[in-house]
């Protein structure tokens, strides 16, 4: 008769608030400067991404294209991520960013919230909601509803 251990093997996911906080800061560091290879490596092969109003997409290949396109459009990208919660395999954070849009030349700013569902120490699902606008223009609630 085989004996099974009651102890589960570690998943590689952050298990404490401090581990999750460090993971969020590590991801933040990969955006300045853009380290597309390391960013993509932090996701599972079959990752699912729901980013703002973009249609959801799946997989590292599409994710690499997404990050590459963003990196060429966002000059001097500066990002601050703030760890918010850890619950089981899910981490949330909020972020603030600034950059210069390479197509328009405008200084831009953004704020958002992300939910990461982790698997084996990597992001398997990335849900991101955010607001973006020109840094030199104040927005009102009415502007957001257009």
C-alpha atoms as a PDB file:
ATOM      1  CA  UNK A   1       0.000   0.000   0.000  1.00  0.00           C
ATOM      2  CA  UNK A   2       1.405   3.390  -1.026  1.00  0.00           C
ATOM      3  CA  UNK A   3       1.457   6.217   1.481  1.00  0.00           C
ATOM      4  CA  UNK A   4       0.481   9.675   0.290  1.00  0.00           C
ATOM      5  CA  UNK A   5       1.811  12.765   1.936  1.00  0.00           C
ATOM      6  CA  UNK A   6      -0.745  15.221   3.261  1.00  0.00           C
ATOM      7  CA  UNK A   7       1.713  18.036   2.631  1.00  0.00           C
ATOM      8  CA  UNK A   8       1.295  19.792  -0.706  1.00  0.00           C
ATOM      9  CA  UNK A   9       4.308  20.757  -2.740  1.00  0.00           C
ATOM     10  CA  UNK A  10       4.836  24.520  -2.829  1.00  0.00           C
ATOM     11  CA  UNK A  11       3.269  26.160  -5.892  1.00  0.00           C
ATOM     12  CA  UNK A  12       5.864  28.885  -6.200  1.00  0.00           C
ATOM     13  CA  UNK A  13       3.156  31.495  -5.693  1.00  0.00           C
ATOM     14  CA  UNK A  14       3.689  34.203  -3.088  1.00  0.00           C
ATOM     15  CA  UNK A  15       2.235  32.873   0.152  1.00  0.00           C
ATOM     16  CA  UNK A  16       2.718  35.819   2.491  1.00  0.00           C
ATOM     17  CA  UNK A  17       1.916  39.508   2.211  1.00  0.00           C
ATOM     18  CA  UNK A  18       5.634  40.299   2.134  1.00  0.00           C
ATOM     19  CA  UNK A  19       6.296  37.808  -0.677  1.00  0.00           C
ATOM     20  CA  UNK A  20       3.389  39.282  -2.669  1.00  0.00           C
ATOM     21  CA  UNK A  21       4.637  42.830  -2.032  1.00  0.00           C
ATOM     22  CA  UNK A  22       8.095  41.831  -3.295  1.00  0.00           C
ATOM     23  CA  UNK A  23       6.586  40.176  -6.365  1.00  0.00           C
ATOM     24  CA  UNK A  24       4.644  43.344  -7.241  1.00  0.00           C
ATOM     25  CA  UNK A  25       7.808  45.465  -6.841  1.00  0.00           C
ATOM     26  CA  UNK A  26       9.749  43.019  -9.008  1.00  0.00           C
ATOM     27  CA  UNK A  27       7.165  43.286 -11.790  1.00  0.00           C
ATOM     28  CA  UNK A  28       7.246  47.085 -11.441  1.00  0.00           C
ATOM     29  CA  UNK A  29      11.025  47.067 -11.952  1.00  0.00           C
ATOM     30  CA  UNK A  30      10.711  45.187 -15.257  1.00  0.00           C
ATOM     31  CA  UNK A  31       8.921  48.149 -16.847  1.00  0.00           C
ATOM     32  CA  UNK A  32      11.768  50.636 -16.229  1.00  0.00           C
ATOM     33  CA  UNK A  33      13.362  50.166 -18.671  1.00  0.00           C
ATOM     34  CA  UNK A  34      11.083  47.796 -20.531  1.00  0.00           C
ATOM     35  CA  UNK A  35      12.349  44.221 -20.123  1.00  0.00           C
ATOM     36  CA  UNK A  36       9.871  42.497 -22.421  1.00  0.00           C
ATOM     37  CA  UNK A  37      11.563  39.075 -22.193  1.00  0.00           C
ATOM     38  CA  UNK A  38      11.444  39.035 -18.388  1.00  0.00           C
ATOM     39  CA  UNK A  39       7.887  40.378 -18.329  1.00  0.00           C
ATOM     40  CA  UNK A  40       6.658  37.654 -20.686  1.00  0.00           C
ATOM     41  CA  UNK A  41       8.572  34.985 -18.721  1.00  0.00           C
ATOM     42  CA  UNK A  42       6.531  35.990 -15.656  1.00  0.00           C
ATOM     43  CA  UNK A  43       3.343  34.712 -17.279  1.00  0.00           C
ATOM     44  CA  UNK A  44       2.162  31.144 -17.877  1.00  0.00           C
ATOM     45  CA  UNK A  45       2.225  29.837 -21.466  1.00  0.00           C
ATOM     46  CA  UNK A  46      -1.585  29.839 -21.569  1.00  0.00           C
ATOM     47  CA  UNK A  47      -2.081  33.162 -19.776  1.00  0.00           C
ATOM     48  CA  UNK A  48      -5.319  35.082 -20.252  1.00  0.00           C
ATOM     49  CA  UNK A  49      -5.150  38.885 -20.460  1.00  0.00           C
ATOM     50  CA  UNK A  50      -8.084  41.249 -20.160  1.00  0.00           C
ATOM     51  CA  UNK A  51      -6.580  44.737 -20.456  1.00  0.00           C
ATOM     52  CA  UNK A  52      -8.964  47.676 -20.441  1.00  0.00           C
ATOM     53  CA  UNK A  53     -11.240  47.735 -23.459  1.00  0.00           C
ATOM     54  CA  UNK A  54      -9.051  45.445 -25.590  1.00  0.00           C
ATOM     55  CA  UNK A  55     -10.582  42.115 -26.541  1.00  0.00           C
ATOM     56  CA  UNK A  56      -9.242  39.410 -24.200  1.00  0.00           C
ATOM     57  CA  UNK A  57      -6.239  37.536 -25.526  1.00  0.00           C
ATOM     58  CA  UNK A  58      -4.359  34.383 -24.585  1.00  0.00           C
ATOM     59  CA  UNK A  59      -0.760  33.207 -24.618  1.00  0.00           C
ATOM     60  CA  UNK A  60       2.762  34.527 -24.369  1.00  0.00           C
ATOM     61  CA  UNK A  61       3.210  35.209 -28.087  1.00  0.00           C
ATOM     62  CA  UNK A  62       0.353  37.740 -28.184  1.00  0.00           C
ATOM     63  CA  UNK A  63       1.476  39.128 -24.815  1.00  0.00           C
ATOM     64  CA  UNK A  64       4.993  39.717 -26.193  1.00  0.00           C
ATOM     65  CA  UNK A  65       3.527  41.673 -29.119  1.00  0.00           C
ATOM     66  CA  UNK A  66       1.376  43.687 -26.706  1.00  0.00           C
ATOM     67  CA  UNK A  67       4.352  44.621 -24.482  1.00  0.00           C
ATOM     68  CA  UNK A  68       6.592  45.355 -27.482  1.00  0.00           C
ATOM     69  CA  UNK A  69       3.995  47.676 -29.010  1.00  0.00           C
ATOM     70  CA  UNK A  70       3.457  49.460 -25.708  1.00  0.00           C
ATOM     71  CA  UNK A  71       7.184  49.877 -25.122  1.00  0.00           C
ATOM     72  CA  UNK A  72       7.674  51.587 -28.481  1.00  0.00           C
ATOM     73  CA  UNK A  73       4.752  53.945 -27.836  1.00  0.00           C
ATOM     74  CA  UNK A  74       5.625  54.885 -24.226  1.00  0.00           C
ATOM     75  CA  UNK A  75       8.906  56.822 -24.062  1.00  0.00           C
ATOM     76  CA  UNK A  76      10.473  57.394 -20.614  1.00  0.00           C
ATOM     77  CA  UNK A  77       7.853  55.197 -18.950  1.00  0.00           C
ATOM     78  CA  UNK A  78       7.741  55.635 -15.173  1.00  0.00           C
ATOM     79  CA  UNK A  79       5.609  53.277 -13.115  1.00  0.00           C
ATOM     80  CA  UNK A  80       4.746  52.841  -9.462  1.00  0.00           C
ATOM     81  CA  UNK A  81       2.821  49.746  -8.393  1.00  0.00           C
ATOM     82  CA  UNK A  82       1.270  49.519  -4.940  1.00  0.00           C
ATOM     83  CA  UNK A  83       0.519  46.060  -3.527  1.00  0.00           C
ATOM     84  CA  UNK A  84      -3.066  45.913  -2.251  1.00  0.00           C
ATOM     85  CA  UNK A  85      -4.148  42.363  -1.379  1.00  0.00           C
ATOM     86  CA  UNK A  86      -3.164  38.717  -1.363  1.00  0.00           C
ATOM     87  CA  UNK A  87      -5.854  36.067  -1.083  1.00  0.00           C
ATOM     88  CA  UNK A  88      -4.985  32.484  -1.906  1.00  0.00           C
ATOM     89  CA  UNK A  89      -3.601  32.565  -5.478  1.00  0.00           C
ATOM     90  CA  UNK A  90      -4.748  36.130  -6.245  1.00  0.00           C
ATOM     91  CA  UNK A  91      -2.762  39.378  -5.921  1.00  0.00           C
ATOM     92  CA  UNK A  92      -4.153  42.856  -6.497  1.00  0.00           C
ATOM     93  CA  UNK A  93      -2.263  46.085  -7.012  1.00  0.00           C
ATOM     94  CA  UNK A  94      -2.890  49.642  -8.091  1.00  0.00           C
ATOM     95  CA  UNK A  95      -0.519  51.593 -10.289  1.00  0.00           C
ATOM     96  CA  UNK A  96       0.306  55.092 -11.484  1.00  0.00           C
ATOM     97  CA  UNK A  97       2.343  55.752 -14.589  1.00  0.00           C
ATOM     98  CA  UNK A  98       3.665  58.563 -16.731  1.00  0.00           C
ATOM     99  CA  UNK A  99       5.287  58.631 -20.168  1.00  0.00           C
ATOM    100  CA  UNK A 100       5.634  60.576 -23.369  1.00  0.00           C
ATOM    101  CA  UNK A 101       3.517  59.286 -26.245  1.00  0.00           C
ATOM    102  CA  UNK A 102       5.919  58.721 -29.155  1.00  0.00           C
ATOM    103  CA  UNK A 103       3.230  59.321 -31.795  1.00  0.00           C
ATOM    104  CA  UNK A 104       1.755  62.564 -30.440  1.00  0.00           C
ATOM    105  CA  UNK A 105       4.616  63.847 -28.271  1.00  0.00           C
ATOM    106  CA  UNK A 106       2.151  64.502 -25.427  1.00  0.00           C
ATOM    107  CA  UNK A 107       3.057  63.836 -21.805  1.00  0.00           C
ATOM    108  CA  UNK A 108       0.624  61.192 -20.541  1.00  0.00           C
ATOM    109  CA  UNK A 109      -0.439  59.826 -17.163  1.00  0.00           C
ATOM    110  CA  UNK A 110      -2.426  56.827 -16.075  1.00  0.00           C
ATOM    111  CA  UNK A 111      -3.877  55.076 -13.053  1.00  0.00           C
ATOM    112  CA  UNK A 112      -5.255  51.583 -12.770  1.00  0.00           C
ATOM    113  CA  UNK A 113      -5.996  48.465 -10.783  1.00  0.00           C
ATOM    114  CA  UNK A 114      -4.816  44.954 -11.611  1.00  0.00           C
ATOM    115  CA  UNK A 115      -5.847  41.493 -10.480  1.00  0.00           C
ATOM    116  CA  UNK A 116      -3.329  38.694 -11.024  1.00  0.00           C
ATOM    117  CA  UNK A 117      -4.323  35.053 -10.608  1.00  0.00           C
ATOM    118  CA  UNK A 118      -1.113  33.111 -10.034  1.00  0.00           C
ATOM    119  CA  UNK A 119      -0.142  29.572 -10.990  1.00  0.00           C
ATOM    120  CA  UNK A 120       3.248  28.015 -10.246  1.00  0.00           C
ATOM    121  CA  UNK A 121       4.772  31.407  -9.411  1.00  0.00           C
ATOM    122  CA  UNK A 122       3.617  33.027 -12.663  1.00  0.00           C
ATOM    123  CA  UNK A 123       0.677  35.209 -13.680  1.00  0.00           C
ATOM    124  CA  UNK A 124      -1.992  33.023 -15.295  1.00  0.00           C
ATOM    125  CA  UNK A 125      -4.755  35.644 -15.519  1.00  0.00           C
ATOM    126  CA  UNK A 126      -4.164  39.398 -15.755  1.00  0.00           C
ATOM    127  CA  UNK A 127      -7.204  41.656 -15.435  1.00  0.00           C
ATOM    128  CA  UNK A 128      -6.392  45.365 -15.748  1.00  0.00           C
ATOM    129  CA  UNK A 129      -8.704  48.364 -15.512  1.00  0.00           C
ATOM    130  CA  UNK A 130      -7.270  51.843 -15.987  1.00  0.00           C
ATOM    131  CA  UNK A 131      -7.731  55.466 -16.951  1.00  0.00           C
ATOM    132  CA  UNK A 132      -5.286  57.376 -19.133  1.00  0.00           C
ATOM    133  CA  UNK A 133      -5.099  60.988 -20.213  1.00  0.00           C
ATOM    134  CA  UNK A 134      -2.794  63.826 -21.096  1.00  0.00           C
ATOM    135  CA  UNK A 135      -0.696  64.926 -18.137  1.00  0.00           C
ATOM    136  CA  UNK A 136      -1.323  68.623 -18.877  1.00  0.00           C
ATOM    137  CA  UNK A 137      -5.118  68.352 -18.831  1.00  0.00           C
ATOM    138  CA  UNK A 138      -7.391  67.851 -15.858  1.00  0.00           C
ATOM    139  CA  UNK A 139     -10.328  65.533 -16.492  1.00  0.00           C
ATOM    140  CA  UNK A 140     -13.811  65.613 -15.028  1.00  0.00           C
ATOM    141  CA  UNK A 141     -16.265  62.791 -14.458  1.00  0.00           C
ATOM    142  CA  UNK A 142     -18.119  64.031 -17.534  1.00  0.00           C
ATOM    143  CA  UNK A 143     -14.972  63.580 -19.630  1.00  0.00           C
ATOM    144  CA  UNK A 144     -14.720  59.968 -18.488  1.00  0.00           C
ATOM    145  CA  UNK A 145     -18.301  59.248 -19.500  1.00  0.00           C
ATOM    146  CA  UNK A 146     -17.872  60.319 -23.124  1.00  0.00           C
END
